[in-house]
C-alpha atoms as a PDB file:
ATOM      1  CA  UNK A   1     101.070 121.837 107.888  1.00  0.00           C
ATOM      2  CA  UNK A   2      97.320 122.527 108.124  1.00  0.00           C
ATOM      3  CA  UNK A   3      95.622 120.606 110.920  1.00  0.00           C
ATOM      4  CA  UNK A   4      93.342 118.743 108.488  1.00  0.00           C
ATOM      5  CA  UNK A   5      96.143 117.396 106.317  1.00  0.00           C
ATOM      6  CA  UNK A   6      97.320 114.563 108.600  1.00  0.00           C
ATOM      7  CA  UNK A   7      93.697 113.434 108.966  1.00  0.00           C
ATOM      8  CA  UNK A   8      93.276 113.440 105.188  1.00  0.00           C
ATOM      9  CA  UNK A   9      96.476 111.439 104.789  1.00  0.00           C
ATOM     10  CA  UNK A  10      95.329 108.886 107.365  1.00  0.00           C
ATOM     11  CA  UNK A  11      91.974 108.506 105.615  1.00  0.00           C
ATOM     12  CA  UNK A  12      93.675 108.159 102.223  1.00  0.00           C
ATOM     13  CA  UNK A  13      96.121 105.566 103.539  1.00  0.00           C
ATOM     14  CA  UNK A  14      93.422 103.496 105.253  1.00  0.00           C
ATOM     15  CA  UNK A  15      91.303 103.608 102.080  1.00  0.00           C
ATOM     16  CA  UNK A  16      94.185 102.398  99.917  1.00  0.00           C
ATOM     17  CA  UNK A  17      95.031  99.644 102.393  1.00  0.00           C
ATOM     18  CA  UNK A  18      91.407  98.557 102.667  1.00  0.00           C
ATOM     19  CA  UNK A  19      91.149  98.284  98.888  1.00  0.00           C
ATOM     20  CA  UNK A  20      94.414  96.377  98.858  1.00  0.00           C
ATOM     21  CA  UNK A  21      93.105  93.941 101.456  1.00  0.00           C
ATOM     22  CA  UNK A  22      90.161  93.146  99.195  1.00  0.00           C
ATOM     23  CA  UNK A  23      92.230  92.720  96.021  1.00  0.00           C
ATOM     24  CA  UNK A  24      95.452  91.250  97.434  1.00  0.00           C
ATOM     25  CA  UNK A  25      94.900  87.835  95.876  1.00  0.00           C
ATOM     26  CA  UNK A  26      94.685  89.255  92.358  1.00  0.00           C
ATOM     27  CA  UNK A  27      96.994  92.138  91.506  1.00  0.00           C
ATOM     28  CA  UNK A  28      97.692  92.289  87.781  1.00  0.00           C
ATOM     29  CA  UNK A  29     100.841  94.233  87.016  1.00  0.00           C
ATOM     30  CA  UNK A  30      98.915  96.281  84.467  1.00  0.00           C
ATOM     31  CA  UNK A  31      96.818  97.721  87.287  1.00  0.00           C
ATOM     32  CA  UNK A  32      99.981  99.323  88.665  1.00  0.00           C
ATOM     33  CA  UNK A  33     100.879 100.815  85.314  1.00  0.00           C
ATOM     34  CA  UNK A  34     103.750  98.335  84.970  1.00  0.00           C
ATOM     35  CA  UNK A  35     104.938  97.399  81.485  1.00  0.00           C
ATOM     36  CA  UNK A  36     105.960  93.752  81.783  1.00  0.00           C
ATOM     37  CA  UNK A  37     107.645  93.710  78.385  1.00  0.00           C
ATOM     38  CA  UNK A  38     109.849  96.563  79.509  1.00  0.00           C
ATOM     39  CA  UNK A  39     110.613  94.743  82.739  1.00  0.00           C
ATOM     40  CA  UNK A  40     111.605  91.668  80.750  1.00  0.00           C
ATOM     41  CA  UNK A  41     114.116  93.822  78.902  1.00  0.00           C
ATOM     42  CA  UNK A  42     115.441  95.082  82.224  1.00  0.00           C
ATOM     43  CA  UNK A  43     115.851  91.484  83.402  1.00  0.00           C
ATOM     44  CA  UNK A  44     118.119  90.773  80.451  1.00  0.00           C
ATOM     45  CA  UNK A  45     120.140  93.960  80.823  1.00  0.00           C
ATOM     46  CA  UNK A  46     120.714  94.388  84.533  1.00  0.00           C
ATOM     47  CA  UNK A  47     123.364  92.553  86.514  1.00  0.00           C
ATOM     48  CA  UNK A  48     122.252  93.450  90.010  1.00  0.00           C
ATOM     49  CA  UNK A  49     118.526  92.663  89.994  1.00  0.00           C
ATOM     50  CA  UNK A  50     118.967  89.767  92.385  1.00  0.00           C
ATOM     51  CA  UNK A  51     120.805  92.127  94.734  1.00  0.00           C
ATOM     52  CA  UNK A  52     117.800  94.473  94.612  1.00  0.00           C
ATOM     53  CA  UNK A  53     115.422  91.558  95.259  1.00  0.00           C
ATOM     54  CA  UNK A  54     117.476  90.399  98.252  1.00  0.00           C
ATOM     55  CA  UNK A  55     117.646  93.963  99.577  1.00  0.00           C
ATOM     56  CA  UNK A  56     113.940  94.779  99.190  1.00  0.00           C
ATOM     57  CA  UNK A  57     112.645  91.388 100.275  1.00  0.00           C
ATOM     58  CA  UNK A  58     114.943  91.799 103.269  1.00  0.00           C
ATOM     59  CA  UNK A  59     113.492  95.232 103.895  1.00  0.00           C
ATOM     60  CA  UNK A  60     110.066  93.577 104.114  1.00  0.00           C
ATOM     61  CA  UNK A  61     111.218  91.784 107.272  1.00  0.00           C
ATOM     62  CA  UNK A  62     112.037  95.143 108.802  1.00  0.00           C
ATOM     63  CA  UNK A  63     108.671  96.605 107.804  1.00  0.00           C
ATOM     64  CA  UNK A  64     106.800  93.841 109.655  1.00  0.00           C
ATOM     65  CA  UNK A  65     108.607  94.884 112.820  1.00  0.00           C
ATOM     66  CA  UNK A  66     108.428  98.616 112.186  1.00  0.00           C
ATOM     67  CA  UNK A  67     104.645  98.692 111.746  1.00  0.00           C
ATOM     68  CA  UNK A  68     104.206  96.425 114.784  1.00  0.00           C
ATOM     69  CA  UNK A  69     106.440  98.726 116.812  1.00  0.00           C
ATOM     70  CA  UNK A  70     104.409 101.736 115.644  1.00  0.00           C
ATOM     71  CA  UNK A  71     101.180  99.998 116.650  1.00  0.00           C
ATOM     72  CA  UNK A  72     102.508  99.569 120.202  1.00  0.00           C
ATOM     73  CA  UNK A  73     103.750 103.170 120.272  1.00  0.00           C
ATOM     74  CA  UNK A  74     100.230 104.220 119.314  1.00  0.00           C
ATOM     75  CA  UNK A  75      98.817 102.110 122.153  1.00  0.00           C
ATOM     76  CA  UNK A  76     101.262 103.779 124.548  1.00  0.00           C
ATOM     77  CA  UNK A  77     100.090 107.233 123.423  1.00  0.00           C
ATOM     78  CA  UNK A  78     103.358 108.381 121.839  1.00  0.00           C
ATOM     79  CA  UNK A  79     102.572 111.162 119.344  1.00  0.00           C
ATOM     80  CA  UNK A  80      99.314 109.470 118.265  1.00  0.00           C
ATOM     81  CA  UNK A  81      98.604 111.393 115.037  1.00  0.00           C
ATOM     82  CA  UNK A  82     102.175 111.160 113.790  1.00  0.00           C
ATOM     83  CA  UNK A  83     102.583 107.533 114.844  1.00  0.00           C
ATOM     84  CA  UNK A  84      99.295 106.467 113.217  1.00  0.00           C
ATOM     85  CA  UNK A  85     100.390 108.020 109.918  1.00  0.00           C
ATOM     86  CA  UNK A  86     103.839 106.400 110.103  1.00  0.00           C
ATOM     87  CA  UNK A  87     102.241 103.017 110.752  1.00  0.00           C
ATOM     88  CA  UNK A  88      99.953 103.336 107.756  1.00  0.00           C
ATOM     89  CA  UNK A  89     102.772 104.475 105.489  1.00  0.00           C
ATOM     90  CA  UNK A  90     104.857 101.498 106.618  1.00  0.00           C
ATOM     91  CA  UNK A  91     101.970  99.161 105.803  1.00  0.00           C
ATOM     92  CA  UNK A  92     101.516 100.764 102.387  1.00  0.00           C
ATOM     93  CA  UNK A  93     105.204 100.254 101.599  1.00  0.00           C
ATOM     94  CA  UNK A  94     105.064  96.605 102.696  1.00  0.00           C
ATOM     95  CA  UNK A  95     101.969  96.030 100.565  1.00  0.00           C
ATOM     96  CA  UNK A  96     103.437  97.676  97.488  1.00  0.00           C
ATOM     97  CA  UNK A  97     106.796  95.924  97.796  1.00  0.00           C
ATOM     98  CA  UNK A  98     105.174  92.512  98.239  1.00  0.00           C
ATOM     99  CA  UNK A  99     103.238  93.037  95.023  1.00  0.00           C
ATOM    100  CA  UNK A 100     106.365  94.379  93.357  1.00  0.00           C
ATOM    101  CA  UNK A 101     108.366  91.294  94.303  1.00  0.00           C
ATOM    102  CA  UNK A 102     105.652  89.123  92.797  1.00  0.00           C
ATOM    103  CA  UNK A 103     104.611  91.116  89.738  1.00  0.00           C
ATOM    104  CA  UNK A 104     107.320  93.743  89.247  1.00  0.00           C
ATOM    105  CA  UNK A 105     107.552  97.412  90.175  1.00  0.00           C
ATOM    106  CA  UNK A 106     109.502  99.667  87.841  1.00  0.00           C
ATOM    107  CA  UNK A 107     109.908 102.517  90.329  1.00  0.00           C
ATOM    108  CA  UNK A 108     111.452 100.159  92.879  1.00  0.00           C
ATOM    109  CA  UNK A 109     113.612  98.558  90.159  1.00  0.00           C
ATOM    110  CA  UNK A 110     111.974  95.204  90.867  1.00  0.00           C
ATOM    111  CA  UNK A 111     111.493  92.695  88.075  1.00  0.00           C
ATOM    112  CA  UNK A 112     108.685  90.155  88.497  1.00  0.00           C
ATOM    113  CA  UNK A 113     109.852  87.029  90.273  1.00  0.00           C
ATOM    114  CA  UNK A 114     110.002  84.092  87.861  1.00  0.00           C
ATOM    115  CA  UNK A 115     111.071  81.249  90.168  1.00  0.00           C
ATOM    116  CA  UNK A 116     108.025  79.129  90.993  1.00  0.00           C
ATOM    117  CA  UNK A 117     109.203  78.180  94.482  1.00  0.00           C
ATOM    118  CA  UNK A 118     109.839  81.796  95.470  1.00  0.00           C
ATOM    119  CA  UNK A 119     106.453  82.871  94.098  1.00  0.00           C
ATOM    120  CA  UNK A 120     104.786  80.131  96.127  1.00  0.00           C
ATOM    121  CA  UNK A 121     106.588  81.381  99.239  1.00  0.00           C
ATOM    122  CA  UNK A 122     105.525  84.968  98.527  1.00  0.00           C
ATOM    123  CA  UNK A 123     101.945  83.727  98.204  1.00  0.00           C
ATOM    124  CA  UNK A 124     102.254  82.289 101.725  1.00  0.00           C
ATOM    125  CA  UNK A 125     103.412  85.710 102.895  1.00  0.00           C
ATOM    126  CA  UNK A 126     100.492  87.296 101.066  1.00  0.00           C
ATOM    127  CA  UNK A 127      98.061  84.954 102.852  1.00  0.00           C
ATOM    128  CA  UNK A 128      99.427  86.002 106.257  1.00  0.00           C
ATOM    129  CA  UNK A 129      99.433  89.645 105.190  1.00  0.00           C
ATOM    130  CA  UNK A 130      95.716  89.417 104.377  1.00  0.00           C
ATOM    131  CA  UNK A 131      95.175  88.427 108.025  1.00  0.00           C
ATOM    132  CA  UNK A 132      97.561  91.026 109.469  1.00  0.00           C
ATOM    133  CA  UNK A 133      96.568  94.018 107.342  1.00  0.00           C
ATOM    134  CA  UNK A 134      93.009  94.369 108.728  1.00  0.00           C
ATOM    135  CA  UNK A 135      94.491  94.860 112.213  1.00  0.00           C
ATOM    136  CA  UNK A 136      96.541  97.794 110.927  1.00  0.00           C
ATOM    137  CA  UNK A 137      93.496  99.219 109.147  1.00  0.00           C
ATOM    138  CA  UNK A 138      91.419  98.930 112.340  1.00  0.00           C
ATOM    139  CA  UNK A 139      94.107 100.801 114.284  1.00  0.00           C
ATOM    140  CA  UNK A 140      94.321 103.424 111.566  1.00  0.00           C
ATOM    141  CA  UNK A 141      90.601 104.112 111.852  1.00  0.00           C
ATOM    142  CA  UNK A 142      90.150 103.693 115.614  1.00  0.00           C
ATOM    143  CA  UNK A 143      89.782 106.686 117.921  1.00  0.00           C
ATOM    144  CA  UNK A 144      91.004 104.599 120.843  1.00  0.00           C
ATOM    145  CA  UNK A 145      93.327 101.618 120.793  1.00  0.00           C
ATOM    146  CA  UNK A 146      91.835  98.308 121.902  1.00  0.00           C
ATOM    147  CA  UNK A 147      94.266  96.062 123.769  1.00  0.00           C
ATOM    148  CA  UNK A 148      92.931  93.066 121.839  1.00  0.00           C
ATOM    149  CA  UNK A 149      94.262  94.491 118.559  1.00  0.00           C
ATOM    150  CA  UNK A 150      97.743  94.954 120.025  1.00  0.00           C
ATOM    151  CA  UNK A 151      97.688  91.416 121.420  1.00  0.00           C
ATOM    152  CA  UNK A 152      96.797  90.071 117.971  1.00  0.00           C
ATOM    153  CA  UNK A 153      99.536  92.134 116.333  1.00  0.00           C
ATOM    154  CA  UNK A 154     102.015  90.846 118.937  1.00  0.00           C
ATOM    155  CA  UNK A 155     101.002  87.293 118.020  1.00  0.00           C
ATOM    156  CA  UNK A 156     100.636  87.547 114.242  1.00  0.00           C
ATOM    157  CA  UNK A 157     103.689  89.635 113.331  1.00  0.00           C
ATOM    158  CA  UNK A 158     106.105  86.787 114.063  1.00  0.00           C
ATOM    159  CA  UNK A 159     104.698  84.235 111.566  1.00  0.00           C
ATOM    160  CA  UNK A 160     104.607  87.022 108.947  1.00  0.00           C
ATOM    161  CA  UNK A 161     108.250  87.807 109.686  1.00  0.00           C
ATOM    162  CA  UNK A 162     109.246  84.132 109.617  1.00  0.00           C
ATOM    163  CA  UNK A 163     107.656  83.447 106.223  1.00  0.00           C
ATOM    164  CA  UNK A 164     109.114  86.631 104.763  1.00  0.00           C
ATOM    165  CA  UNK A 165     112.525  85.574 106.036  1.00  0.00           C
ATOM    166  CA  UNK A 166     112.177  82.250 104.184  1.00  0.00           C
ATOM    167  CA  UNK A 167     111.559  84.179 100.965  1.00  0.00           C
ATOM    168  CA  UNK A 168     114.689  86.290 101.505  1.00  0.00           C
ATOM    169  CA  UNK A 169     116.745  83.144 102.013  1.00  0.00           C
ATOM    170  CA  UNK A 170     115.382  81.720  98.780  1.00  0.00           C
ATOM    171  CA  UNK A 171     116.416  84.841  96.852  1.00  0.00           C
ATOM    172  CA  UNK A 172     119.853  84.579  98.474  1.00  0.00           C
ATOM    173  CA  UNK A 173     120.207  80.946  97.428  1.00  0.00           C
ATOM    174  CA  UNK A 174     119.307  81.849  93.836  1.00  0.00           C
ATOM    175  CA  UNK A 175     122.651  83.620  93.429  1.00  0.00           C
ATOM    176  CA  UNK A 176     125.480  81.973  91.515  1.00  0.00           C
ATOM    177  CA  UNK A 177     128.657  80.666  93.085  1.00  0.00           C
ATOM    178  CA  UNK A 178     130.545  83.830  92.162  1.00  0.00           C
ATOM    179  CA  UNK A 179     128.093  86.046  94.077  1.00  0.00           C
ATOM    180  CA  UNK A 180     126.995  83.668  96.850  1.00  0.00           C
ATOM    181  CA  UNK A 181     129.126  85.332  99.520  1.00  0.00           C
ATOM    182  CA  UNK A 182     127.855  88.816  98.689  1.00  0.00           C
ATOM    183  CA  UNK A 183     124.266  87.517  98.659  1.00  0.00           C
ATOM    184  CA  UNK A 184     124.759  86.316 102.262  1.00  0.00           C
ATOM    185  CA  UNK A 185     126.196  89.713 103.226  1.00  0.00           C
ATOM    186  CA  UNK A 186     123.251  91.611 101.702  1.00  0.00           C
ATOM    187  CA  UNK A 187     120.824  89.260 103.442  1.00  0.00           C
ATOM    188  CA  UNK A 188     122.424  89.570 106.895  1.00  0.00           C
ATOM    189  CA  UNK A 189     123.145  93.290 106.670  1.00  0.00           C
ATOM    190  CA  UNK A 190     119.508  93.675 105.620  1.00  0.00           C
ATOM    191  CA  UNK A 191     118.455  91.579 108.598  1.00  0.00           C
ATOM    192  CA  UNK A 192     120.164  94.152 110.825  1.00  0.00           C
ATOM    193  CA  UNK A 193     117.529  96.694 109.764  1.00  0.00           C
ATOM    194  CA  UNK A 194     114.826  94.347 110.988  1.00  0.00           C
ATOM    195  CA  UNK A 195     116.603  93.758 114.287  1.00  0.00           C
ATOM    196  CA  UNK A 196     116.735  97.522 115.028  1.00  0.00           C
ATOM    197  CA  UNK A 197     112.948  97.585 114.881  1.00  0.00           C
ATOM    198  CA  UNK A 198     112.325  94.198 116.451  1.00  0.00           C
ATOM    199  CA  UNK A 199     114.225  95.047 119.625  1.00  0.00           C
ATOM    200  CA  UNK A 200     112.279  98.293 119.959  1.00  0.00           C
ATOM    201  CA  UNK A 201     109.008  96.438 119.427  1.00  0.00           C
ATOM    202  CA  UNK A 202     109.919  93.895 122.119  1.00  0.00           C
ATOM    203  CA  UNK A 203     110.901  96.680 124.532  1.00  0.00           C
ATOM    204  CA  UNK A 204     107.590  98.452 123.920  1.00  0.00           C
ATOM    205  CA  UNK A 205     105.483  95.300 124.230  1.00  0.00           C
ATOM    206  CA  UNK A 206     107.059  94.706 127.648  1.00  0.00           C
ATOM    207  CA  UNK A 207     106.342  98.332 128.565  1.00  0.00           C
ATOM    208  CA  UNK A 208     102.715  97.879 127.477  1.00  0.00           C
ATOM    209  CA  UNK A 209     102.414  94.782 129.654  1.00  0.00           C
ATOM    210  CA  UNK A 210     102.151  92.077 126.992  1.00  0.00           C
ATOM    211  CA  UNK A 211     104.218  89.067 128.129  1.00  0.00           C
ATOM    212  CA  UNK A 212     106.822  91.394 129.679  1.00  0.00           C
ATOM    213  CA  UNK A 213     109.287  88.731 130.797  1.00  0.00           C
ATOM    214  CA  UNK A 214     109.124  86.859 127.497  1.00  0.00           C
ATOM    215  CA  UNK A 215     109.520  90.042 125.460  1.00  0.00           C
ATOM    216  CA  UNK A 216     112.450  91.246 127.556  1.00  0.00           C
ATOM    217  CA  UNK A 217     114.140  87.861 127.027  1.00  0.00           C
ATOM    218  CA  UNK A 218     113.435  88.050 123.300  1.00  0.00           C
ATOM    219  CA  UNK A 219     114.826  91.579 123.186  1.00  0.00           C
ATOM    220  CA  UNK A 220     118.050  90.444 124.832  1.00  0.00           C
ATOM    221  CA  UNK A 221     118.522  87.748 122.179  1.00  0.00           C
ATOM    222  CA  UNK A 222     117.723  90.244 119.416  1.00  0.00           C
ATOM    223  CA  UNK A 223     120.309  92.654 120.799  1.00  0.00           C
ATOM    224  CA  UNK A 224     122.948  89.921 121.011  1.00  0.00           C
ATOM    225  CA  UNK A 225     122.316  88.890 117.400  1.00  0.00           C
ATOM    226  CA  UNK A 226     122.490  92.496 116.193  1.00  0.00           C
ATOM    227  CA  UNK A 227     125.760  93.064 118.051  1.00  0.00           C
ATOM    228  CA  UNK A 228     127.370  89.869 116.784  1.00  0.00           C
ATOM    229  CA  UNK A 229     126.277  90.434 113.179  1.00  0.00           C
ATOM    230  CA  UNK A 230     127.509  94.029 113.186  1.00  0.00           C
ATOM    231  CA  UNK A 231     130.930  92.863 114.338  1.00  0.00           C
ATOM    232  CA  UNK A 232     130.825  90.074 111.746  1.00  0.00           C
ATOM    233  CA  UNK A 233     130.031  92.488 108.943  1.00  0.00           C
ATOM    234  CA  UNK A 234     133.083  94.497 109.921  1.00  0.00           C
ATOM    235  CA  UNK A 235     135.647  91.827 110.720  1.00  0.00           C
ATOM    236  CA  UNK A 236     134.095  88.502 109.733  1.00  0.00           C
ATOM    237  CA  UNK A 237     132.118  85.709 111.410  1.00  0.00           C
ATOM    238  CA  UNK A 238     132.692  82.234 110.001  1.00  0.00           C
ATOM    239  CA  UNK A 239     129.594  80.698 111.598  1.00  0.00           C
ATOM    240  CA  UNK A 240     127.362  83.309 109.977  1.00  0.00           C
ATOM    241  CA  UNK A 241     129.182  83.074 106.655  1.00  0.00           C
ATOM    242  CA  UNK A 242     130.370  86.677 106.919  1.00  0.00           C
ATOM    243  CA  UNK A 243     133.781  87.458 105.414  1.00  0.00           C
ATOM    244  CA  UNK A 244     134.103  90.964 106.871  1.00  0.00           C
ATOM    245  CA  UNK A 245     134.920  93.917 104.652  1.00  0.00           C
ATOM    246  CA  UNK A 246     138.025  95.902 103.783  1.00  0.00           C
ATOM    247  CA  UNK A 247     136.106  98.473 101.737  1.00  0.00           C
ATOM    248  CA  UNK A 248     136.924 101.821 103.448  1.00  0.00           C
ATOM    249  CA  UNK A 249     133.548 103.414 102.667  1.00  0.00           C
ATOM    250  CA  UNK A 250     131.524 100.441 103.933  1.00  0.00           C
ATOM    251  CA  UNK A 251     133.697 100.134 107.049  1.00  0.00           C
ATOM    252  CA  UNK A 252     133.174 103.834 107.765  1.00  0.00           C
ATOM    253  CA  UNK A 253     129.406 103.401 107.352  1.00  0.00           C
ATOM    254  CA  UNK A 254     129.326 100.368 109.653  1.00  0.00           C
ATOM    255  CA  UNK A 255     131.278 102.335 112.255  1.00  0.00           C
ATOM    256  CA  UNK A 256     128.576 105.026 112.125  1.00  0.00           C
ATOM    257  CA  UNK A 257     126.099 102.266 112.936  1.00  0.00           C
ATOM    258  CA  UNK A 258     128.403 101.059 115.730  1.00  0.00           C
ATOM    259  CA  UNK A 259     128.472 104.560 117.256  1.00  0.00           C
ATOM    260  CA  UNK A 260     124.673 104.756 117.204  1.00  0.00           C
ATOM    261  CA  UNK A 261     124.458 101.253 118.650  1.00  0.00           C
ATOM    262  CA  UNK A 262     126.544 102.412 121.608  1.00  0.00           C
ATOM    263  CA  UNK A 263     123.795 104.988 122.299  1.00  0.00           C
ATOM    264  CA  UNK A 264     120.799 102.801 121.467  1.00  0.00           C
ATOM    265  CA  UNK A 265     121.756  99.761 123.545  1.00  0.00           C
ATOM    266  CA  UNK A 266     121.680 101.516 126.962  1.00  0.00           C
ATOM    267  CA  UNK A 267     118.249 102.973 126.140  1.00  0.00           C
ATOM    268  CA  UNK A 268     116.890  99.466 125.634  1.00  0.00           C
ATOM    269  CA  UNK A 269     118.380  98.353 128.953  1.00  0.00           C
ATOM    270  CA  UNK A 270     116.734 101.175 130.910  1.00  0.00           C
ATOM    271  CA  UNK A 271     113.325 100.609 132.551  1.00  0.00           C
ATOM    272  CA  UNK A 272     110.594 102.183 130.394  1.00  0.00           C
ATOM    273  CA  UNK A 273     109.458 105.705 131.117  1.00  0.00           C
ATOM    274  CA  UNK A 274     106.824 107.261 128.876  1.00  0.00           C
ATOM    275  CA  UNK A 275     108.862 110.452 128.633  1.00  0.00           C
ATOM    276  CA  UNK A 276     111.752 108.458 127.109  1.00  0.00           C
ATOM    277  CA  UNK A 277     109.746 106.470 124.566  1.00  0.00           C
ATOM    278  CA  UNK A 278     109.917 109.166 121.887  1.00  0.00           C
ATOM    279  CA  UNK A 279     113.700 109.327 122.282  1.00  0.00           C
ATOM    280  CA  UNK A 280     113.847 105.541 121.906  1.00  0.00           C
ATOM    281  CA  UNK A 281     111.751 105.743 118.737  1.00  0.00           C
ATOM    282  CA  UNK A 282     113.928 108.511 117.307  1.00  0.00           C
ATOM    283  CA  UNK A 283     117.076 106.491 117.958  1.00  0.00           C
ATOM    284  CA  UNK A 284     115.563 103.337 116.439  1.00  0.00           C
ATOM    285  CA  UNK A 285     114.938 105.286 113.232  1.00  0.00           C
ATOM    286  CA  UNK A 286     118.418 106.847 113.193  1.00  0.00           C
ATOM    287  CA  UNK A 287     120.196 103.514 113.455  1.00  0.00           C
ATOM    288  CA  UNK A 288     117.779 102.009 110.924  1.00  0.00           C
ATOM    289  CA  UNK A 289     118.595 104.765 108.423  1.00  0.00           C
ATOM    290  CA  UNK A 290     122.351 104.307 108.782  1.00  0.00           C
ATOM    291  CA  UNK A 291     122.082 100.515 108.565  1.00  0.00           C
ATOM    292  CA  UNK A 292     119.961 100.908 105.445  1.00  0.00           C
ATOM    293  CA  UNK A 293     122.732 103.010 103.858  1.00  0.00           C
ATOM    294  CA  UNK A 294     125.179 100.197 104.523  1.00  0.00           C
ATOM    295  CA  UNK A 295     122.872  97.648 102.875  1.00  0.00           C
ATOM    296  CA  UNK A 296     122.526  99.882  99.822  1.00  0.00           C
ATOM    297  CA  UNK A 297     126.306 100.117  99.584  1.00  0.00           C
ATOM    298  CA  UNK A 298     126.585  96.314  99.605  1.00  0.00           C
ATOM    299  CA  UNK A 299     123.839  96.092  96.962  1.00  0.00           C
ATOM    300  CA  UNK A 300     125.629  98.579  94.712  1.00  0.00           C
ATOM    301  CA  UNK A 301     128.898  96.653  95.024  1.00  0.00           C
ATOM    302  CA  UNK A 302     127.282  93.557  93.409  1.00  0.00           C
END
């Protein structure tokens, strides 16, 4: 890849995000080239749209943690050019998916959300995103990382995550009685993706020196929840509303995640060393990818 290309991509991404920050409050579907009449036809025809909405709204939770993790990696000097571009791409995907959940996005197979209460919740998320996005843009443009930006990201990512999680729960609760159990499974398997990134973010914040004891304690709780939910997805967990699965393909996929978890967990329990941070990042993305495959399998079984 020519040396100038990553720079051009960073500039393009920051420009798109900056424009999005200005126009986030008003985003007509027509501006995205979305045909709402066609989407209305899709709404009537498809049987798994709610599954897609639960999956992709759930993915939004993960993206809040992934871009925050990438911001801290950037502050720690881990592959700065590559990490900056990943962070901006993550932010672009969050921005596009949020708009897609609200107004529809044909390429993501998202119909526009019709339920007033869910739209109101997504507007709350959008309000927080308008505060969070400028921090990502500043990092994308900055030659050096200011600690103040990372401190603000460490503070503001959690309310964004919490409000996005409320939206996911609302999509889950919109399912009928015959699909309620599967809606819970898609939600909680999707939450696993977020936890893979959240625990890495908490590890890295401690390594960077931002509330190290608090972030290590948070990471421990995140790890425990991931471990318990993974076991529940496989064999059931009544308290979490997880029935377990007998589907051979899904069980095999979850066992792939379990194998990666056995490698990832010790890395998170090892004192940070800058030389090991790239390996931690690589593993966080591997387990995320395999967990995402499992979520897609649940979605397609709707």
